[in-house]
Structures are given as C-alpha cells and as structure tokens.
PDB file of all heavy atoms in Angstrom:
ATOM      1  N   LEU A   1      -7.417 -11.862 -77.929  1.00  0.00           N
ATOM      2  CA  LEU A   1      -6.166 -11.143 -78.135  1.00  0.00           C
ATOM      3  C   LEU A   1      -5.181 -11.714 -77.127  1.00  0.00           C
ATOM      4  O   LEU A   1      -5.447 -11.679 -75.922  1.00  0.00           O
ATOM      5  CB  LEU A   1      -6.347  -9.644 -77.915  1.00  0.00           C
ATOM      6  CG  LEU A   1      -7.377  -8.933 -78.795  1.00  0.00           C
ATOM      7  CD1 LEU A   1      -7.492  -7.465 -78.378  1.00  0.00           C
ATOM      8  CD2 LEU A   1      -6.993  -9.022 -80.253  1.00  0.00           C
ATOM      9  N   VAL A   2      -4.081 -12.244 -77.609  1.00  0.00           N
ATOM     10  CA  VAL A   2      -3.123 -12.903 -76.731  1.00  0.00           C
ATOM     11  C   VAL A   2      -1.765 -12.231 -76.880  1.00  0.00           C
ATOM     12  O   VAL A   2      -1.143 -12.299 -77.955  1.00  0.00           O
ATOM     13  CB  VAL A   2      -3.013 -14.398 -77.050  1.00  0.00           C
ATOM     14  CG1 VAL A   2      -2.003 -15.059 -76.111  1.00  0.00           C
ATOM     15  CG2 VAL A   2      -4.369 -15.073 -76.925  1.00  0.00           C
ATOM     16  N   GLU A   3      -1.318 -11.586 -75.805  1.00  0.00           N
ATOM     17  CA  GLU A   3      -0.023 -10.906 -75.806  1.00  0.00           C
ATOM     18  C   GLU A   3       1.081 -11.881 -75.418  1.00  0.00           C
ATOM     19  O   GLU A   3       0.862 -12.831 -74.668  1.00  0.00           O
ATOM     20  CB  GLU A   3      -0.013  -9.727 -74.827  1.00  0.00           C
ATOM     21  CG  GLU A   3      -1.045  -8.654 -75.068  1.00  0.00           C
ATOM     22  CD  GLU A   3      -2.278  -8.828 -74.230  1.00  0.00           C
ATOM     23  OE1 GLU A   3      -2.550  -9.983 -73.815  1.00  0.00           O
ATOM     24  OE2 GLU A   3      -2.970  -7.830 -73.965  1.00  0.00           O
ATOM     25  N   SER A   4       2.268 -11.601 -75.902  1.00  0.00           N
ATOM     26  CA  SER A   4       3.454 -12.372 -75.529  1.00  0.00           C
ATOM     27  C   SER A   4       4.671 -11.476 -75.670  1.00  0.00           C
ATOM     28  O   SER A   4       4.602 -10.399 -76.270  1.00  0.00           O
ATOM     29  CB  SER A   4       3.600 -13.617 -76.420  1.00  0.00           C
ATOM     30  OG  SER A   4       3.746 -13.237 -77.779  1.00  0.00           O
ATOM     31  N   GLY A   5       5.777 -11.936 -75.103  1.00  0.00           N
ATOM     32  CA  GLY A   5       7.025 -11.213 -75.265  1.00  0.00           C
ATOM     33  C   GLY A   5       7.474 -10.399 -74.071  1.00  0.00           C
ATOM     34  O   GLY A   5       8.552  -9.803 -74.091  1.00  0.00           O
ATOM     35  N   GLY A   6       6.654 -10.335 -73.048  1.00  0.00           N
ATOM     36  CA  GLY A   6       7.053  -9.586 -71.865  1.00  0.00           C
ATOM     37  C   GLY A   6       8.154 -10.311 -71.097  1.00  0.00           C
ATOM     38  O   GLY A   6       8.521 -11.443 -71.405  1.00  0.00           O
ATOM     39  N   GLY A   7       8.695  -9.616 -70.100  1.00  0.00           N
ATOM     40  CA  GLY A   7       9.742 -10.227 -69.307  1.00  0.00           C
ATOM     41  C   GLY A   7      10.511  -9.205 -68.514  1.00  0.00           C
ATOM     42  O   GLY A   7      10.088  -8.053 -68.386  1.00  0.00           O
ATOM     43  N   LEU A   8      11.647  -9.645 -67.999  1.00  0.00           N
ATOM     44  CA  LEU A   8      12.526  -8.796 -67.198  1.00  0.00           C
ATOM     45  C   LEU A   8      13.722  -8.394 -68.042  1.00  0.00           C
ATOM     46  O   LEU A   8      14.369  -9.245 -68.668  1.00  0.00           O
ATOM     47  CB  LEU A   8      12.983  -9.564 -65.952  1.00  0.00           C
ATOM     48  CG  LEU A   8      14.031  -8.887 -65.074  1.00  0.00           C
ATOM     49  CD1 LEU A   8      13.474  -7.608 -64.470  1.00  0.00           C
ATOM     50  CD2 LEU A   8      14.496  -9.847 -63.983  1.00  0.00           C
ATOM     51  N   VAL A   9      14.005  -7.105 -68.060  1.00  0.00           N
ATOM     52  CA  VAL A   9      15.121  -6.597 -68.849  1.00  0.00           C
ATOM     53  C   VAL A   9      15.789  -5.459 -68.086  1.00  0.00           C
ATOM     54  O   VAL A   9      15.143  -4.766 -67.302  1.00  0.00           O
ATOM     55  CB  VAL A   9      14.620  -6.132 -70.241  1.00  0.00           C
ATOM     56  CG1 VAL A   9      13.662  -4.952 -70.120  1.00  0.00           C
ATOM     57  CG2 VAL A   9      15.772  -5.804 -71.166  1.00  0.00           C
ATOM     58  N   GLN A  10      17.073  -5.290 -68.323  1.00  0.00           N
ATOM     59  CA  GLN A  10      17.787  -4.189 -67.685  1.00  0.00           C
ATOM     60  C   GLN A  10      17.497  -2.879 -68.415  1.00  0.00           C
ATOM     61  O   GLN A  10      17.174  -2.874 -69.614  1.00  0.00           O
ATOM     62  CB  GLN A  10      19.289  -4.463 -67.685  1.00  0.00           C
ATOM     63  CG  GLN A  10      19.715  -5.551 -66.718  1.00  0.00           C
ATOM     64  CD  GLN A  10      21.218  -5.665 -66.600  1.00  0.00           C
ATOM     65  OE1 GLN A  10      21.949  -5.322 -67.534  1.00  0.00           O
ATOM     66  NE2 GLN A  10      21.699  -6.140 -65.463  1.00  0.00           N
ATOM     67  N   ALA A  11      17.636  -1.800 -67.688  1.00  0.00           N
ATOM     68  CA  ALA A  11      17.469  -0.486 -68.299  1.00  0.00           C
ATOM     69  C   ALA A  11      18.396  -0.352 -69.498  1.00  0.00           C
ATOM     70  O   ALA A  11      19.563  -0.772 -69.453  1.00  0.00           O
ATOM     71  CB  ALA A  11      17.759   0.606 -67.285  1.00  0.00           C
ATOM     72  N   GLY A  12      17.862   0.212 -70.567  1.00  0.00           N
ATOM     73  CA  GLY A  12      18.603   0.338 -71.803  1.00  0.00           C
ATOM     74  C   GLY A  12      18.398  -0.812 -72.765  1.00  0.00           C
ATOM     75  O   GLY A  12      18.800  -0.736 -73.937  1.00  0.00           O
ATOM     76  N   GLY A  13      17.786  -1.856 -72.282  1.00  0.00           N
ATOM     77  CA  GLY A  13      17.555  -3.031 -73.112  1.00  0.00           C
ATOM     78  C   GLY A  13      16.321  -2.907 -73.981  1.00  0.00           C
ATOM     79  O   GLY A  13      15.658  -1.865 -74.015  1.00  0.00           O
ATOM     80  N   SER A  14      16.009  -4.000 -74.674  1.00  0.00           N
ATOM     81  CA  SER A  14      14.893  -4.013 -75.620  1.00  0.00           C
ATOM     82  C   SER A  14      14.010  -5.232 -75.392  1.00  0.00           C
ATOM     83  O   SER A  14      14.486  -6.278 -74.930  1.00  0.00           O
ATOM     84  CB  SER A  14      15.414  -4.055 -77.060  1.00  0.00           C
ATOM     85  OG  SER A  14      16.171  -2.903 -77.377  1.00  0.00           O
ATOM     86  N   LEU A  15      12.758  -5.067 -75.730  1.00  0.00           N
ATOM     87  CA  LEU A  15      11.800  -6.169 -75.764  1.00  0.00           C
ATOM     88  C   LEU A  15      10.881  -5.947 -76.947  1.00  0.00           C
ATOM     89  O   LEU A  15      10.636  -4.794 -77.345  1.00  0.00           O
ATOM     90  CB  LEU A  15      10.961  -6.238 -74.485  1.00  0.00           C
ATOM     91  CG  LEU A  15      11.586  -6.832 -73.220  1.00  0.00           C
ATOM     92  CD1 LEU A  15      10.630  -6.674 -72.050  1.00  0.00           C
ATOM     93  CD2 LEU A  15      11.936  -8.293 -73.421  1.00  0.00           C
ATOM     94  N   ARG A  16      10.353  -7.039 -77.462  1.00  0.00           N
ATOM     95  CA  ARG A  16       9.360  -6.949 -78.527  1.00  0.00           C
ATOM     96  C   ARG A  16       8.109  -7.681 -78.070  1.00  0.00           C
ATOM     97  O   ARG A  16       8.128  -8.887 -77.842  1.00  0.00           O
ATOM     98  CB  ARG A  16       9.879  -7.560 -79.825  1.00  0.00           C
ATOM     99  CG  ARG A  16       8.924  -7.387 -81.011  1.00  0.00           C
ATOM    100  CD  ARG A  16       9.540  -7.948 -82.284  1.00  0.00           C
ATOM    101  NE  ARG A  16       8.676  -7.788 -83.442  1.00  0.00           N
ATOM    102  CZ  ARG A  16       8.657  -6.711 -84.203  1.00  0.00           C
ATOM    103  NH1 ARG A  16       9.467  -5.694 -83.938  1.00  0.00           N
ATOM    104  NH2 ARG A  16       7.847  -6.636 -85.249  1.00  0.00           N
ATOM    105  N   LEU A  17       7.030  -6.934 -77.925  1.00  0.00           N
ATOM    106  CA  LEU A  17       5.745  -7.521 -77.560  1.00  0.00           C
ATOM    107  C   LEU A  17       4.965  -7.860 -78.822  1.00  0.00           C
ATOM    108  O   LEU A  17       5.008  -7.120 -79.803  1.00  0.00           O
ATOM    109  CB  LEU A  17       4.933  -6.559 -76.696  1.00  0.00           C
ATOM    110  CG  LEU A  17       5.586  -6.044 -75.423  1.00  0.00           C
ATOM    111  CD1 LEU A  17       4.587  -5.174 -74.652  1.00  0.00           C
ATOM    112  CD2 LEU A  17       6.090  -7.178 -74.562  1.00  0.00           C
ATOM    113  N   SER A  18       4.267  -8.978 -78.764  1.00  0.00           N
ATOM    114  CA  SER A  18       3.414  -9.375 -79.868  1.00  0.00           C
ATOM    115  C   SER A  18       2.005  -9.626 -79.355  1.00  0.00           C
ATOM    116  O   SER A  18       1.816  -9.986 -78.185  1.00  0.00           O
ATOM    117  CB  SER A  18       3.948 -10.645 -80.534  1.00  0.00           C
ATOM    118  OG  SER A  18       5.207 -10.419 -81.128  1.00  0.00           O
ATOM    119  N   CYS A  19       1.048  -9.429 -80.232  1.00  0.00           N
ATOM    120  CA  CYS A  19      -0.354  -9.691 -79.896  1.00  0.00           C
ATOM    121  C   CYS A  19      -0.969 -10.441 -81.070  1.00  0.00           C
ATOM    122  O   CYS A  19      -0.998  -9.927 -82.195  1.00  0.00           O
ATOM    123  CB  CYS A  19      -1.091  -8.388 -79.647  1.00  0.00           C
ATOM    124  SG  CYS A  19      -2.871  -8.552 -79.410  1.00  0.00           S
ATOM    125  N   ALA A  20      -1.445 -11.639 -80.794  1.00  0.00           N
ATOM    126  CA  ALA A  20      -2.095 -12.457 -81.814  1.00  0.00           C
ATOM    127  C   ALA A  20      -3.602 -12.351 -81.652  1.00  0.00           C
ATOM    128  O   ALA A  20      -4.128 -12.569 -80.557  1.00  0.00           O
ATOM    129  CB  ALA A  20      -1.651 -13.913 -81.680  1.00  0.00           C
ATOM    130  N   ALA A  21      -4.270 -12.007 -82.736  1.00  0.00           N
ATOM    131  CA  ALA A  21      -5.723 -11.807 -82.697  1.00  0.00           C
ATOM    132  C   ALA A  21      -6.438 -12.935 -83.420  1.00  0.00           C
ATOM    133  O   ALA A  21      -5.959 -13.442 -84.439  1.00  0.00           O
ATOM    134  CB  ALA A  21      -6.072 -10.469 -83.345  1.00  0.00           C
ATOM    135  N   SER A  22      -7.575 -13.300 -82.893  1.00  0.00           N
ATOM    136  CA  SER A  22      -8.429 -14.304 -83.546  1.00  0.00           C
ATOM    137  C   SER A  22      -9.881 -13.988 -83.257  1.00  0.00           C
ATOM    138  O   SER A  22     -10.191 -13.267 -82.300  1.00  0.00           O
ATOM    139  CB  SER A  22      -8.080 -15.720 -83.049  1.00  0.00           C
ATOM    140  OG  SER A  22      -8.293 -15.832 -81.663  1.00  0.00           O
ATOM    141  N   GLY A  23     -10.765 -14.514 -84.101  1.00  0.00           N
ATOM    142  CA  GLY A  23     -12.182 -14.310 -83.898  1.00  0.00           C
ATOM    143  C   GLY A  23     -12.709 -12.977 -84.392  1.00  0.00           C
ATOM    144  O   GLY A  23     -13.845 -12.610 -84.093  1.00  0.00           O
ATOM    145  N   LEU A  24     -11.893 -12.231 -85.125  1.00  0.00           N
ATOM    146  CA  LEU A  24     -12.330 -10.955 -85.674  1.00  0.00           C
ATOM    147  C   LEU A  24     -11.697 -10.758 -87.047  1.00  0.00           C
ATOM    148  O   LEU A  24     -10.744 -11.451 -87.404  1.00  0.00           O
ATOM    149  CB  LEU A  24     -11.960  -9.793 -84.742  1.00  0.00           C
ATOM    150  CG  LEU A  24     -10.507  -9.653 -84.237  1.00  0.00           C
ATOM    151  CD1 LEU A  24      -9.557  -9.166 -85.306  1.00  0.00           C
ATOM    152  CD2 LEU A  24     -10.461  -8.728 -83.048  1.00  0.00           C
ATOM    153  N   THR A  25     -12.263  -9.815 -87.798  1.00  0.00           N
ATOM    154  CA  THR A  25     -11.672  -9.440 -89.079  1.00  0.00           C
ATOM    155  C   THR A  25     -10.581  -8.429 -88.787  1.00  0.00           C
ATOM    156  O   THR A  25     -10.851  -7.240 -88.600  1.00  0.00           O
ATOM    157  CB  THR A  25     -12.730  -8.866 -90.025  1.00  0.00           C
ATOM    158  OG1 THR A  25     -13.801  -9.797 -90.180  1.00  0.00           O
ATOM    159  CG2 THR A  25     -12.124  -8.556 -91.387  1.00  0.00           C
ATOM    160  N   PHE A  26      -9.364  -8.917 -88.727  1.00  0.00           N
ATOM    161  CA  PHE A  26      -8.267  -8.098 -88.204  1.00  0.00           C
ATOM    162  C   PHE A  26      -8.064  -6.820 -89.003  1.00  0.00           C
ATOM    163  O   PHE A  26      -7.781  -5.766 -88.441  1.00  0.00           O
ATOM    164  CB  PHE A  26      -6.984  -8.933 -88.203  1.00  0.00           C
ATOM    165  CG  PHE A  26      -5.844  -8.310 -87.469  1.00  0.00           C
ATOM    166  CD1 PHE A  26      -5.891  -8.144 -86.087  1.00  0.00           C
ATOM    167  CD2 PHE A  26      -4.715  -7.881 -88.152  1.00  0.00           C
ATOM    168  CE1 PHE A  26      -4.843  -7.567 -85.404  1.00  0.00           C
ATOM    169  CE2 PHE A  26      -3.654  -7.305 -87.486  1.00  0.00           C
ATOM    170  CZ  PHE A  26      -3.718  -7.147 -86.099  1.00  0.00           C
ATOM    171  N   SER A  27      -8.229  -6.887 -90.303  1.00  0.00           N
ATOM    172  CA  SER A  27      -7.943  -5.723 -91.156  1.00  0.00           C
ATOM    173  C   SER A  27      -8.979  -4.616 -91.043  1.00  0.00           C
ATOM    174  O   SER A  27      -8.821  -3.556 -91.667  1.00  0.00           O
ATOM    175  CB  SER A  27      -7.816  -6.169 -92.610  1.00  0.00           C
ATOM    176  OG  SER A  27      -9.043  -6.741 -93.051  1.00  0.00           O
TER     177      SER A  27
END
C-alpha cells in the first residue's frame, strides 16, 4: 500500500491523498 499526496498546506486549504494497492484482490 503506497500513499501519496501529502504535503504542507495552509489552514483552510485542501489536499487529496491517494493510496495505490498491489498484491491483493482489491475488491
């Protein structure tokens, strides 16, 4: 499971985190 999308943001801002999965039956 590999997360991405983190970072530094000001209060009130937005971020979108993603997680890519492999090696399993995701559904």
